[in-house]
């Protein structure tokens, strides 16, 4: 079943969408636009329903962020707004939205539009994709002295098979670590091995980690 990510600060709207769409889609929803990107990376939704008017972080900003990121740029975004008329339609289209629906939602039209869009969607290849994105992680393992360590870090780029990040603990090539994705909720991804060390001689080191075992879905597959 395809996943549908709903981003709206009104819980009544989220509940209504879930009720009306759950027979065709697995609905993931959030009232926090700050969490939406992490959810999109974790769940890889087939489409996103996005409210425009939300406090602190507008739907316009989120739409632009999702569309500009190479990994999420292929996910169709449908704006669902209480703003009447064509006030923001052109602006949303320029920011990368695939469709625009006014509240109250015409669910018959929404379902048909989603069906048509997903049927005609061209599958993306991302096997060799490497993108610059910050993904918060927790690494665990043993350093070069055999001492256990646990460290919070953030990636500088990611690929299907690994990631580049700073690690303050003394480790060397072939060191193996446990990898935990910490957003939106921490969960174990698998184990990765140091394939390459950058920034030799500095007080902090960048390491290129390659997965040797993946237990759960990584942000790129």
N, C-alpha and C. Protein backbone atom coordinates (compact mmCIF):
# COMPACT_ATOMS: atom_id res chain seq x y z
N UNK A 1 0.84 -1.19 0.00
CA UNK A 1 0.00 0.00 0.00
C UNK A 1 0.88 1.25 0.00
N UNK A 2 0.59 2.19 -0.90
CA UNK A 2 1.34 3.44 -0.96
C UNK A 2 1.16 4.26 0.31
N UNK A 3 2.21 4.99 0.69
CA UNK A 3 2.14 5.85 1.86
C UNK A 3 1.81 7.28 1.46
N UNK A 4 1.06 7.96 2.33
CA UNK A 4 0.66 9.34 2.11
C UNK A 4 1.06 10.13 3.34
N UNK A 5 1.91 11.15 3.18
CA UNK A 5 2.33 12.00 4.29
C UNK A 5 1.46 13.25 4.32
N UNK A 6 0.81 13.49 5.46
CA UNK A 6 -0.06 14.65 5.63
C UNK A 6 0.59 15.60 6.63
N UNK A 7 0.79 16.87 6.22
CA UNK A 7 1.41 17.88 7.08
C UNK A 7 0.40 19.01 7.27
N UNK A 8 -0.19 19.08 8.45
CA UNK A 8 -1.22 20.09 8.73
C UNK A 8 -1.27 20.30 10.24
N UNK A 9 -1.26 21.55 10.69
CA UNK A 9 -1.25 21.81 12.13
C UNK A 9 -2.62 21.63 12.78
N UNK A 10 -3.67 21.40 12.01
CA UNK A 10 -5.02 21.20 12.54
C UNK A 10 -5.28 19.69 12.66
N UNK A 11 -5.36 19.17 13.90
CA UNK A 11 -5.57 17.71 14.07
C UNK A 11 -6.89 17.23 13.49
N UNK A 12 -7.90 18.11 13.43
CA UNK A 12 -9.19 17.71 12.86
C UNK A 12 -9.06 17.41 11.37
N UNK A 13 -8.28 18.23 10.67
CA UNK A 13 -8.06 18.00 9.24
C UNK A 13 -7.26 16.72 9.03
N UNK A 14 -6.23 16.50 9.86
CA UNK A 14 -5.43 15.29 9.73
C UNK A 14 -6.28 14.05 9.96
N UNK A 15 -7.13 14.10 10.98
CA UNK A 15 -8.00 12.96 11.27
C UNK A 15 -9.00 12.72 10.15
N UNK A 16 -9.53 13.79 9.57
CA UNK A 16 -10.48 13.64 8.47
C UNK A 16 -9.81 13.02 7.25
N UNK A 17 -8.62 13.50 6.92
CA UNK A 17 -7.89 12.95 5.78
C UNK A 17 -7.58 11.47 6.01
N UNK A 18 -7.14 11.15 7.23
CA UNK A 18 -6.84 9.75 7.55
C UNK A 18 -8.08 8.88 7.35
N UNK A 19 -9.22 9.37 7.87
CA UNK A 19 -10.47 8.61 7.78
C UNK A 19 -10.87 8.37 6.33
N UNK A 20 -10.72 9.40 5.48
CA UNK A 20 -11.18 9.31 4.10
C UNK A 20 -10.19 8.64 3.16
N UNK A 21 -8.91 8.57 3.56
CA UNK A 21 -7.88 8.06 2.65
C UNK A 21 -7.28 6.73 3.08
N UNK A 22 -7.59 6.26 4.29
CA UNK A 22 -6.87 5.10 4.82
C UNK A 22 -7.20 3.78 4.11
N UNK A 23 -8.29 3.75 3.35
CA UNK A 23 -8.59 2.52 2.62
C UNK A 23 -7.70 2.36 1.40
N UNK A 24 -7.16 3.47 0.88
CA UNK A 24 -6.28 3.41 -0.29
C UNK A 24 -4.81 3.65 0.02
N UNK A 25 -4.52 4.30 1.17
CA UNK A 25 -3.15 4.67 1.50
C UNK A 25 -2.85 4.40 2.97
N UNK A 26 -1.57 4.16 3.25
CA UNK A 26 -1.09 4.16 4.63
C UNK A 26 -0.77 5.61 4.97
N UNK A 27 -1.54 6.20 5.87
CA UNK A 27 -1.43 7.63 6.14
C UNK A 27 -0.48 7.88 7.31
N UNK A 28 0.56 8.69 7.06
CA UNK A 28 1.45 9.17 8.10
C UNK A 28 1.19 10.65 8.23
N UNK A 29 0.98 11.16 9.44
CA UNK A 29 0.66 12.59 9.55
C UNK A 29 1.44 13.25 10.67
N UNK A 30 1.58 14.55 10.56
CA UNK A 30 2.25 15.35 11.58
C UNK A 30 1.69 16.75 11.57
N UNK A 31 1.65 17.36 12.75
CA UNK A 31 1.26 18.75 12.86
C UNK A 31 2.46 19.66 12.91
N UNK A 32 3.66 19.08 12.83
CA UNK A 32 4.90 19.84 12.92
C UNK A 32 5.64 19.85 11.58
N UNK A 33 5.67 20.98 10.89
CA UNK A 33 6.41 21.04 9.63
C UNK A 33 7.90 20.77 9.81
N UNK A 34 8.41 21.02 11.03
CA UNK A 34 9.83 20.77 11.28
C UNK A 34 10.16 19.28 11.20
N UNK A 35 9.17 18.42 11.48
CA UNK A 35 9.39 16.97 11.44
C UNK A 35 9.11 16.37 10.07
N UNK A 36 8.50 17.16 9.19
CA UNK A 36 8.01 16.61 7.92
C UNK A 36 9.14 16.05 7.05
N UNK A 37 10.27 16.75 6.98
CA UNK A 37 11.37 16.28 6.15
C UNK A 37 11.89 14.94 6.64
N UNK A 38 12.05 14.81 7.96
CA UNK A 38 12.51 13.54 8.51
C UNK A 38 11.55 12.41 8.23
N UNK A 39 10.24 12.70 8.30
CA UNK A 39 9.24 11.68 8.00
C UNK A 39 9.28 11.29 6.53
N UNK A 40 9.50 12.30 5.67
CA UNK A 40 9.58 12.01 4.23
C UNK A 40 10.78 11.13 3.92
N UNK A 41 11.89 11.39 4.59
CA UNK A 41 13.09 10.58 4.38
C UNK A 41 12.91 9.17 4.93
N UNK A 42 12.24 9.07 6.08
CA UNK A 42 12.08 7.76 6.71
C UNK A 42 11.06 6.88 5.98
N UNK A 43 9.92 7.45 5.63
CA UNK A 43 8.82 6.65 5.12
C UNK A 43 8.72 6.61 3.59
N UNK A 44 9.40 7.51 2.90
CA UNK A 44 9.37 7.54 1.44
C UNK A 44 7.93 7.52 0.91
N UNK A 45 7.13 8.52 1.26
CA UNK A 45 5.73 8.51 0.84
C UNK A 45 5.58 8.64 -0.67
N UNK A 46 4.48 8.11 -1.18
CA UNK A 46 4.19 8.24 -2.62
C UNK A 46 3.77 9.66 -2.95
N UNK A 47 3.19 10.36 -1.96
CA UNK A 47 2.75 11.74 -2.16
C UNK A 47 2.67 12.44 -0.81
N UNK A 48 2.65 13.77 -0.85
CA UNK A 48 2.57 14.59 0.36
C UNK A 48 1.40 15.57 0.22
N UNK A 49 0.56 15.63 1.25
CA UNK A 49 -0.49 16.64 1.34
C UNK A 49 -0.02 17.70 2.33
N UNK A 50 0.04 18.95 1.90
CA UNK A 50 0.71 19.99 2.67
C UNK A 50 -0.18 21.21 2.86
N UNK A 51 -0.40 21.58 4.12
CA UNK A 51 -1.11 22.82 4.45
C UNK A 51 -0.15 24.00 4.27
N UNK A 52 -0.70 25.14 3.85
CA UNK A 52 0.14 26.32 3.62
C UNK A 52 0.38 27.13 4.88
N UNK A 53 -0.68 27.37 5.64
CA UNK A 53 -0.61 28.30 6.75
C UNK A 53 -0.37 27.57 8.07
N UNK A 54 0.90 27.49 8.46
CA UNK A 54 1.26 26.86 9.71
C UNK A 54 2.20 27.79 10.47
N UNK A 55 2.13 27.78 11.81
CA UNK A 55 2.98 28.68 12.59
C UNK A 55 4.46 28.32 12.48
N UNK A 56 5.29 29.33 12.56
CA UNK A 56 6.75 29.22 12.64
C UNK A 56 7.41 28.81 11.33
N UNK A 57 6.87 27.81 10.65
CA UNK A 57 7.51 27.31 9.43
C UNK A 57 6.40 27.09 8.40
N UNK A 58 6.33 27.98 7.40
CA UNK A 58 5.19 27.95 6.49
C UNK A 58 5.28 26.80 5.51
N UNK A 59 4.11 26.46 4.96
CA UNK A 59 4.05 25.44 3.93
C UNK A 59 4.82 25.83 2.68
N UNK A 60 4.94 27.12 2.44
CA UNK A 60 5.71 27.59 1.28
C UNK A 60 7.17 27.17 1.43
N UNK A 61 7.73 27.40 2.62
CA UNK A 61 9.13 27.05 2.88
C UNK A 61 9.34 25.55 2.78
N UNK A 62 8.41 24.80 3.36
CA UNK A 62 8.54 23.35 3.35
C UNK A 62 8.41 22.79 1.94
N UNK A 63 7.48 23.33 1.17
CA UNK A 63 7.30 22.90 -0.22
C UNK A 63 8.59 23.12 -1.01
N UNK A 64 9.19 24.29 -0.83
CA UNK A 64 10.43 24.60 -1.54
C UNK A 64 11.56 23.68 -1.10
N UNK A 65 11.66 23.42 0.21
CA UNK A 65 12.71 22.53 0.73
C UNK A 65 12.57 21.12 0.18
N UNK A 66 11.35 20.59 0.21
CA UNK A 66 11.11 19.24 -0.28
C UNK A 66 11.38 19.13 -1.77
N UNK A 67 11.02 20.16 -2.51
CA UNK A 67 11.22 20.13 -3.96
C UNK A 67 12.68 20.32 -4.35
N UNK A 68 13.46 21.05 -3.54
CA UNK A 68 14.85 21.33 -3.89
C UNK A 68 15.79 20.19 -3.52
N UNK A 69 15.42 19.39 -2.51
CA UNK A 69 16.25 18.24 -2.15
C UNK A 69 16.14 17.16 -3.21
N UNK A 70 17.26 16.67 -3.66
CA UNK A 70 17.23 15.72 -4.77
C UNK A 70 16.44 14.46 -4.42
N UNK A 71 16.57 14.00 -3.17
CA UNK A 71 15.88 12.77 -2.81
C UNK A 71 14.36 12.95 -2.75
N UNK A 72 13.89 14.06 -2.18
CA UNK A 72 12.45 14.26 -2.03
C UNK A 72 11.83 15.01 -3.20
N UNK A 73 12.64 15.49 -4.14
CA UNK A 73 12.12 16.28 -5.25
C UNK A 73 11.17 15.49 -6.14
N UNK A 74 11.28 14.16 -6.15
CA UNK A 74 10.41 13.35 -6.99
C UNK A 74 9.07 13.00 -6.35
N UNK A 75 8.87 13.41 -5.09
CA UNK A 75 7.60 13.11 -4.41
C UNK A 75 6.58 14.19 -4.76
N UNK A 76 5.44 13.83 -5.34
CA UNK A 76 4.42 14.83 -5.67
C UNK A 76 3.88 15.49 -4.40
N UNK A 77 3.82 16.82 -4.42
CA UNK A 77 3.30 17.58 -3.28
C UNK A 77 2.00 18.24 -3.69
N UNK A 78 0.96 18.00 -2.90
CA UNK A 78 -0.35 18.60 -3.17
C UNK A 78 -0.70 19.53 -2.01
N UNK A 79 -0.84 20.80 -2.34
CA UNK A 79 -1.18 21.80 -1.34
C UNK A 79 -2.67 21.69 -1.01
N UNK A 80 -2.97 21.67 0.28
CA UNK A 80 -4.35 21.66 0.75
C UNK A 80 -4.51 22.87 1.67
N UNK A 81 -5.30 23.85 1.28
CA UNK A 81 -5.34 25.12 1.99
C UNK A 81 -6.74 25.65 2.16
N UNK A 82 -6.91 26.46 3.19
CA UNK A 82 -8.17 27.13 3.43
C UNK A 82 -8.27 28.45 2.70
N UNK A 83 -7.17 28.85 2.02
CA UNK A 83 -7.18 30.09 1.25
C UNK A 83 -8.00 29.89 -0.01
N UNK A 84 -9.00 30.72 -0.22
CA UNK A 84 -9.91 30.54 -1.35
C UNK A 84 -9.35 31.17 -2.63
N UNK A 85 -9.92 30.71 -3.75
CA UNK A 85 -9.53 31.27 -5.04
C UNK A 85 -8.15 30.85 -5.48
N UNK A 86 -7.56 31.63 -6.38
CA UNK A 86 -6.26 31.29 -6.96
C UNK A 86 -5.13 32.12 -6.36
N UNK A 87 -5.34 32.59 -5.12
CA UNK A 87 -4.40 33.52 -4.52
C UNK A 87 -2.96 33.01 -4.52
N UNK A 88 -2.76 31.73 -4.17
CA UNK A 88 -1.40 31.20 -4.04
C UNK A 88 -1.12 30.07 -5.04
N UNK A 89 -2.05 29.81 -5.93
CA UNK A 89 -1.90 28.67 -6.83
C UNK A 89 -0.62 28.75 -7.66
N UNK A 90 -0.39 29.88 -8.30
CA UNK A 90 0.80 30.04 -9.15
C UNK A 90 2.08 29.97 -8.34
N UNK A 91 2.07 30.59 -7.15
CA UNK A 91 3.26 30.57 -6.31
C UNK A 91 3.61 29.14 -5.88
N UNK A 92 2.58 28.37 -5.52
CA UNK A 92 2.82 26.98 -5.12
C UNK A 92 3.36 26.16 -6.28
N UNK A 93 2.84 26.41 -7.47
CA UNK A 93 3.32 25.71 -8.65
C UNK A 93 4.79 26.02 -8.91
N UNK A 94 5.17 27.29 -8.72
CA UNK A 94 6.57 27.69 -8.92
C UNK A 94 7.49 27.05 -7.89
N UNK A 95 6.97 26.77 -6.71
CA UNK A 95 7.77 26.15 -5.65
C UNK A 95 7.84 24.64 -5.78
N UNK A 96 7.10 24.08 -6.76
CA UNK A 96 7.21 22.65 -7.03
C UNK A 96 6.00 21.82 -6.70
N UNK A 97 4.88 22.46 -6.27
CA UNK A 97 3.68 21.70 -5.96
C UNK A 97 3.06 21.11 -7.22
N UNK A 98 2.55 19.89 -7.10
CA UNK A 98 1.93 19.21 -8.24
C UNK A 98 0.44 19.51 -8.36
N UNK A 99 -0.18 19.99 -7.28
CA UNK A 99 -1.61 20.27 -7.30
C UNK A 99 -2.00 21.16 -6.16
N UNK A 100 -3.22 21.67 -6.21
CA UNK A 100 -3.69 22.68 -5.27
C UNK A 100 -5.16 22.40 -4.97
N UNK A 101 -5.48 22.13 -3.70
CA UNK A 101 -6.86 21.83 -3.31
C UNK A 101 -7.28 22.77 -2.19
N UNK A 102 -8.48 23.32 -2.33
CA UNK A 102 -9.03 24.19 -1.30
C UNK A 102 -9.84 23.37 -0.30
N UNK A 103 -9.87 23.84 0.94
CA UNK A 103 -10.71 23.25 1.97
C UNK A 103 -12.10 23.88 1.88
N UNK A 104 -13.19 23.14 2.08
CA UNK A 104 -13.23 21.69 2.36
C UNK A 104 -12.79 20.87 1.14
N UNK A 105 -12.09 19.79 1.42
CA UNK A 105 -11.45 19.00 0.37
C UNK A 105 -12.47 18.19 -0.41
N UNK A 106 -12.36 18.24 -1.71
CA UNK A 106 -13.14 17.35 -2.58
C UNK A 106 -12.36 16.03 -2.66
N UNK A 107 -12.72 15.06 -1.83
CA UNK A 107 -11.94 13.84 -1.72
C UNK A 107 -12.04 12.97 -2.98
N UNK A 108 -13.15 13.06 -3.67
CA UNK A 108 -13.27 12.30 -4.92
C UNK A 108 -12.24 12.80 -5.93
N UNK A 109 -12.15 14.12 -6.05
CA UNK A 109 -11.17 14.71 -6.97
C UNK A 109 -9.74 14.46 -6.50
N UNK A 110 -9.51 14.55 -5.19
CA UNK A 110 -8.18 14.31 -4.64
C UNK A 110 -7.72 12.89 -4.93
N UNK A 111 -8.58 11.91 -4.67
CA UNK A 111 -8.22 10.51 -4.90
C UNK A 111 -7.91 10.26 -6.37
N UNK A 112 -8.72 10.84 -7.25
CA UNK A 112 -8.50 10.62 -8.68
C UNK A 112 -7.20 11.28 -9.13
N UNK A 113 -6.93 12.48 -8.62
CA UNK A 113 -5.69 13.17 -8.98
C UNK A 113 -4.47 12.40 -8.50
N UNK A 114 -4.53 11.89 -7.28
CA UNK A 114 -3.42 11.09 -6.76
C UNK A 114 -3.23 9.83 -7.59
N UNK A 115 -4.32 9.17 -7.91
CA UNK A 115 -4.23 7.94 -8.70
C UNK A 115 -3.60 8.21 -10.06
N UNK A 116 -4.05 9.28 -10.73
CA UNK A 116 -3.50 9.62 -12.05
C UNK A 116 -2.02 9.99 -11.96
N UNK A 117 -1.68 10.75 -10.93
CA UNK A 117 -0.29 11.20 -10.77
C UNK A 117 0.65 10.04 -10.51
N UNK A 118 0.27 9.14 -9.60
CA UNK A 118 1.13 8.01 -9.25
C UNK A 118 1.22 6.98 -10.36
N UNK A 119 0.15 6.84 -11.13
CA UNK A 119 0.17 5.91 -12.25
C UNK A 119 1.15 6.36 -13.33
N UNK A 120 1.26 7.68 -13.51
CA UNK A 120 2.11 8.23 -14.56
C UNK A 120 3.50 8.61 -14.07
N UNK A 121 3.76 8.37 -12.79
CA UNK A 121 5.04 8.75 -12.22
C UNK A 121 6.15 7.86 -12.74
N UNK A 122 7.25 8.45 -13.16
CA UNK A 122 8.40 7.70 -13.66
C UNK A 122 9.28 7.27 -12.50
N UNK A 123 9.56 5.98 -12.36
CA UNK A 123 10.42 5.52 -11.27
C UNK A 123 11.80 6.17 -11.35
N UNK A 124 12.32 6.55 -10.17
CA UNK A 124 13.64 7.17 -10.13
C UNK A 124 14.70 6.14 -9.77
N UNK A 125 15.84 6.27 -10.39
CA UNK A 125 16.98 5.43 -10.05
C UNK A 125 17.87 6.20 -9.10
N UNK A 126 18.25 5.58 -8.00
CA UNK A 126 19.09 6.30 -7.03
C UNK A 126 20.22 5.42 -6.49
N UNK A 127 20.54 4.36 -7.21
CA UNK A 127 21.57 3.45 -6.69
C UNK A 127 22.91 4.15 -6.47
N UNK A 128 23.28 5.08 -7.35
CA UNK A 128 24.57 5.75 -7.21
C UNK A 128 24.43 7.16 -6.67
N UNK A 129 23.24 7.51 -6.21
CA UNK A 129 22.96 8.85 -5.75
C UNK A 129 23.73 9.16 -4.47
N UNK A 130 24.32 10.32 -4.41
CA UNK A 130 24.97 10.81 -3.19
C UNK A 130 24.57 12.26 -3.03
N UNK A 131 23.91 12.60 -1.93
CA UNK A 131 23.41 13.95 -1.77
C UNK A 131 23.93 14.56 -0.48
N UNK A 132 24.09 15.87 -0.50
CA UNK A 132 24.50 16.60 0.70
C UNK A 132 23.26 16.88 1.53
N UNK A 133 23.17 16.23 2.67
CA UNK A 133 22.02 16.40 3.54
C UNK A 133 22.45 16.08 4.96
N UNK A 134 21.89 16.81 5.90
CA UNK A 134 22.21 16.60 7.30
C UNK A 134 21.18 15.66 7.92
N UNK A 135 21.65 14.49 8.32
CA UNK A 135 20.80 13.49 8.96
C UNK A 135 21.39 13.20 10.33
N UNK A 136 20.64 13.47 11.42
CA UNK A 136 21.17 13.21 12.76
C UNK A 136 21.25 11.72 13.06
N UNK A 137 22.41 11.30 13.57
CA UNK A 137 22.67 9.90 13.87
C UNK A 137 23.25 9.74 15.27
N UNK A 138 23.18 8.52 15.77
CA UNK A 138 23.93 8.13 16.96
C UNK A 138 24.77 6.92 16.58
N UNK A 139 26.07 6.99 16.85
CA UNK A 139 26.99 5.91 16.54
C UNK A 139 27.46 5.26 17.84
N UNK A 140 27.57 3.93 17.84
CA UNK A 140 28.09 3.21 19.00
C UNK A 140 29.14 2.21 18.53
N UNK A 141 30.13 1.95 19.38
CA UNK A 141 31.15 0.97 19.02
C UNK A 141 32.32 1.00 19.99
N UNK A 142 33.46 0.48 19.54
CA UNK A 142 34.67 0.50 20.33
C UNK A 142 35.76 1.23 19.56
N UNK A 143 36.49 2.11 20.26
CA UNK A 143 37.53 2.89 19.60
C UNK A 143 38.81 2.07 19.45
N UNK A 144 39.86 2.74 19.02
CA UNK A 144 41.13 2.03 18.76
C UNK A 144 41.74 1.45 20.03
N UNK A 145 41.31 1.93 21.21
CA UNK A 145 41.84 1.43 22.48
C UNK A 145 40.93 0.35 23.08
N UNK A 146 39.89 -0.03 22.34
CA UNK A 146 38.98 -1.04 22.84
C UNK A 146 37.96 -0.50 23.83
N UNK A 147 37.85 0.82 23.91
CA UNK A 147 36.92 1.46 24.85
C UNK A 147 35.60 1.72 24.15
N UNK A 148 34.49 1.34 24.76
CA UNK A 148 33.18 1.57 24.18
C UNK A 148 32.88 3.07 24.11
N UNK A 149 32.26 3.48 23.03
CA UNK A 149 31.87 4.88 22.90
C UNK A 149 30.46 4.99 22.32
N UNK A 150 29.86 6.12 22.56
CA UNK A 150 28.55 6.45 22.03
C UNK A 150 28.59 7.92 21.66
N UNK A 151 28.25 8.23 20.42
CA UNK A 151 28.45 9.60 19.95
C UNK A 151 27.31 10.06 19.05
N UNK A 152 26.82 11.28 19.31
CA UNK A 152 25.82 11.91 18.44
C UNK A 152 26.55 12.69 17.35
N UNK A 153 26.10 12.55 16.13
CA UNK A 153 26.74 13.25 15.01
C UNK A 153 25.69 13.55 13.94
N UNK A 154 26.10 14.24 12.90
CA UNK A 154 25.21 14.59 11.79
C UNK A 154 25.95 14.38 10.48
N UNK A 155 25.31 13.75 9.53
CA UNK A 155 25.97 13.48 8.25
C UNK A 155 26.21 14.77 7.47
N UNK A 156 27.21 14.73 6.60
CA UNK A 156 27.43 15.81 5.65
C UNK A 156 26.89 15.44 4.28
N UNK A 157 26.95 14.16 3.94
CA UNK A 157 26.26 13.65 2.76
C UNK A 157 25.93 12.19 2.99
N UNK A 158 25.01 11.68 2.18
CA UNK A 158 24.59 10.29 2.31
C UNK A 158 24.48 9.66 0.93
N UNK A 159 24.59 8.34 0.91
CA UNK A 159 24.37 7.57 -0.31
C UNK A 159 23.52 6.37 0.08
N UNK A 160 23.18 5.55 -0.90
CA UNK A 160 22.42 4.33 -0.61
C UNK A 160 23.20 3.43 0.34
N UNK A 161 24.52 3.41 0.19
CA UNK A 161 25.35 2.44 0.92
C UNK A 161 26.10 3.02 2.10
N UNK A 162 25.97 4.33 2.37
CA UNK A 162 26.74 4.86 3.47
C UNK A 162 26.55 6.35 3.69
N UNK A 163 27.52 6.94 4.42
CA UNK A 163 27.40 8.36 4.79
C UNK A 163 28.77 8.90 5.20
N UNK A 164 28.91 10.21 5.13
CA UNK A 164 30.11 10.91 5.57
C UNK A 164 29.74 11.76 6.78
N UNK A 165 30.52 11.65 7.87
CA UNK A 165 30.22 12.45 9.05
C UNK A 165 31.48 12.63 9.89
N UNK A 166 31.40 13.57 10.83
CA UNK A 166 32.47 13.78 11.79
C UNK A 166 32.31 12.81 12.94
N UNK A 167 33.43 12.27 13.41
CA UNK A 167 33.42 11.41 14.59
C UNK A 167 34.58 11.84 15.48
N UNK A 168 34.29 12.20 16.73
CA UNK A 168 35.31 12.69 17.64
C UNK A 168 36.09 11.57 18.31
N UNK A 169 35.53 10.38 18.34
CA UNK A 169 36.20 9.25 18.99
C UNK A 169 37.35 8.75 18.13
N UNK A 170 38.41 8.24 18.74
CA UNK A 170 39.55 7.72 17.97
C UNK A 170 39.23 6.38 17.32
N UNK A 171 38.97 6.42 16.04
CA UNK A 171 38.69 5.19 15.29
C UNK A 171 39.55 5.17 14.03
N UNK A 172 39.64 4.02 13.43
CA UNK A 172 40.50 3.83 12.26
C UNK A 172 39.71 3.12 11.16
N UNK A 173 40.26 3.10 9.93
CA UNK A 173 39.61 2.33 8.88
C UNK A 173 39.35 0.90 9.32
N UNK A 174 38.19 0.39 8.93
CA UNK A 174 37.69 -0.94 9.27
C UNK A 174 37.01 -1.00 10.64
N UNK A 175 37.03 0.12 11.40
CA UNK A 175 36.24 0.14 12.64
C UNK A 175 34.77 -0.01 12.30
N UNK A 176 34.06 -0.84 13.05
CA UNK A 176 32.64 -1.09 12.80
C UNK A 176 31.81 -0.43 13.89
N UNK A 177 30.72 0.22 13.49
CA UNK A 177 29.88 0.93 14.44
C UNK A 177 28.41 0.55 14.23
N UNK A 178 27.64 0.67 15.32
CA UNK A 178 26.19 0.58 15.22
C UNK A 178 25.64 1.94 14.83
N UNK A 179 24.64 1.97 13.97
CA UNK A 179 24.10 3.22 13.45
C UNK A 179 22.63 3.34 13.83
N UNK A 180 22.28 4.46 14.47
CA UNK A 180 20.90 4.73 14.86
C UNK A 180 20.45 6.04 14.22
N UNK A 181 19.33 6.00 13.52
CA UNK A 181 18.71 7.20 13.00
C UNK A 181 17.87 7.80 14.12
N UNK A 182 18.07 9.09 14.45
CA UNK A 182 17.46 9.65 15.66
C UNK A 182 16.20 10.47 15.41
N UNK A 183 15.78 10.67 14.15
CA UNK A 183 14.54 11.40 13.86
C UNK A 183 13.67 10.56 12.94
N UNK A 184 12.35 10.67 13.07
CA UNK A 184 11.62 11.39 14.12
C UNK A 184 11.66 10.67 15.46
N UNK A 185 11.88 9.37 15.44
CA UNK A 185 12.11 8.59 16.66
C UNK A 185 13.33 7.72 16.44
N UNK A 186 14.15 7.59 17.47
CA UNK A 186 15.40 6.83 17.30
C UNK A 186 15.11 5.36 17.03
N UNK A 187 15.80 4.82 16.02
CA UNK A 187 15.71 3.40 15.75
C UNK A 187 17.00 2.92 15.10
N UNK A 188 17.29 1.65 15.32
CA UNK A 188 18.53 1.04 14.84
C UNK A 188 18.45 0.80 13.33
N UNK A 189 19.45 1.27 12.59
CA UNK A 189 19.50 1.09 11.14
C UNK A 189 20.30 -0.15 10.77
N UNK A 190 21.47 -0.30 11.39
CA UNK A 190 22.33 -1.42 11.06
C UNK A 190 23.75 -1.14 11.51
N UNK A 191 24.71 -1.78 10.84
CA UNK A 191 26.11 -1.60 11.18
C UNK A 191 26.88 -1.10 9.96
N UNK A 192 27.85 -0.23 10.23
CA UNK A 192 28.65 0.35 9.15
C UNK A 192 30.12 0.29 9.51
N UNK A 193 30.96 0.24 8.49
CA UNK A 193 32.41 0.14 8.68
C UNK A 193 33.09 1.36 8.07
N UNK A 194 34.13 1.85 8.73
CA UNK A 194 34.89 2.99 8.20
C UNK A 194 35.61 2.55 6.93
N UNK A 195 35.27 3.17 5.81
CA UNK A 195 35.91 2.85 4.54
C UNK A 195 37.05 3.80 4.23
N UNK A 196 36.94 5.03 4.76
CA UNK A 196 37.96 6.04 4.43
C UNK A 196 37.93 7.12 5.49
N UNK A 197 39.11 7.69 5.76
CA UNK A 197 39.21 8.79 6.73
C UNK A 197 39.66 10.05 6.00
N UNK A 198 38.93 11.14 6.23
CA UNK A 198 39.31 12.45 5.72
C UNK A 198 39.92 13.26 6.85
N UNK A 199 40.44 14.42 6.52
CA UNK A 199 40.88 15.40 7.52
C UNK A 199 41.94 14.84 8.45
N UNK A 200 42.86 14.04 7.93
CA UNK A 200 43.90 13.44 8.75
C UNK A 200 44.75 14.51 9.43
N UNK A 201 45.04 14.31 10.71
CA UNK A 201 45.91 15.23 11.44
C UNK A 201 45.15 16.30 12.19
N UNK A 202 43.85 16.43 11.98
CA UNK A 202 43.08 17.44 12.70
C UNK A 202 42.58 16.87 14.02
N UNK A 203 42.13 17.77 14.90
CA UNK A 203 41.62 17.31 16.19
C UNK A 203 40.30 16.56 16.02
N UNK A 204 39.57 16.85 14.92
CA UNK A 204 38.37 16.08 14.61
C UNK A 204 38.56 15.44 13.26
N UNK A 205 37.86 14.38 13.03
CA UNK A 205 38.04 13.60 11.81
C UNK A 205 36.70 13.41 11.10
N UNK A 206 36.75 13.41 9.77
CA UNK A 206 35.60 13.01 8.98
C UNK A 206 35.84 11.59 8.49
N UNK A 207 34.80 10.78 8.55
CA UNK A 207 34.92 9.40 8.13
C UNK A 207 33.83 9.06 7.13
N UNK A 208 34.21 8.29 6.13
CA UNK A 208 33.26 7.77 5.15
C UNK A 208 32.87 6.37 5.61
N UNK A 209 31.63 6.21 6.06
CA UNK A 209 31.14 4.93 6.54
C UNK A 209 30.36 4.23 5.44
N UNK A 210 30.57 2.93 5.30
CA UNK A 210 29.82 2.10 4.35
C UNK A 210 29.10 1.01 5.14
N UNK A 211 27.81 0.82 4.83
CA UNK A 211 27.04 -0.18 5.56
C UNK A 211 27.54 -1.59 5.24
N UNK A 212 27.68 -2.39 6.28
CA UNK A 212 27.97 -3.81 6.09
C UNK A 212 26.74 -4.64 6.46
N UNK A 213 25.76 -4.00 7.11
CA UNK A 213 24.52 -4.67 7.46
C UNK A 213 23.45 -3.61 7.68
N UNK A 214 22.31 -3.74 6.99
CA UNK A 214 21.19 -2.81 7.19
C UNK A 214 19.98 -3.60 7.66
N UNK A 215 19.50 -3.29 8.86
CA UNK A 215 18.37 -3.98 9.45
C UNK A 215 17.06 -3.28 9.12
N UNK A 216 17.11 -1.97 8.91
CA UNK A 216 15.93 -1.17 8.61
C UNK A 216 16.24 -0.24 7.43
N UNK A 217 15.21 0.40 6.92
CA UNK A 217 15.39 1.25 5.76
C UNK A 217 16.24 2.48 6.10
N UNK A 218 17.19 2.73 5.25
CA UNK A 218 18.04 3.91 5.34
C UNK A 218 17.36 5.03 4.56
N UNK A 219 17.83 6.28 4.69
CA UNK A 219 17.16 7.42 4.06
C UNK A 219 17.13 7.35 2.55
N UNK A 220 18.06 6.57 1.96
CA UNK A 220 18.07 6.45 0.49
C UNK A 220 17.85 5.01 0.03
N UNK A 221 17.29 4.18 0.84
CA UNK A 221 16.99 2.83 0.38
C UNK A 221 17.57 1.76 1.27
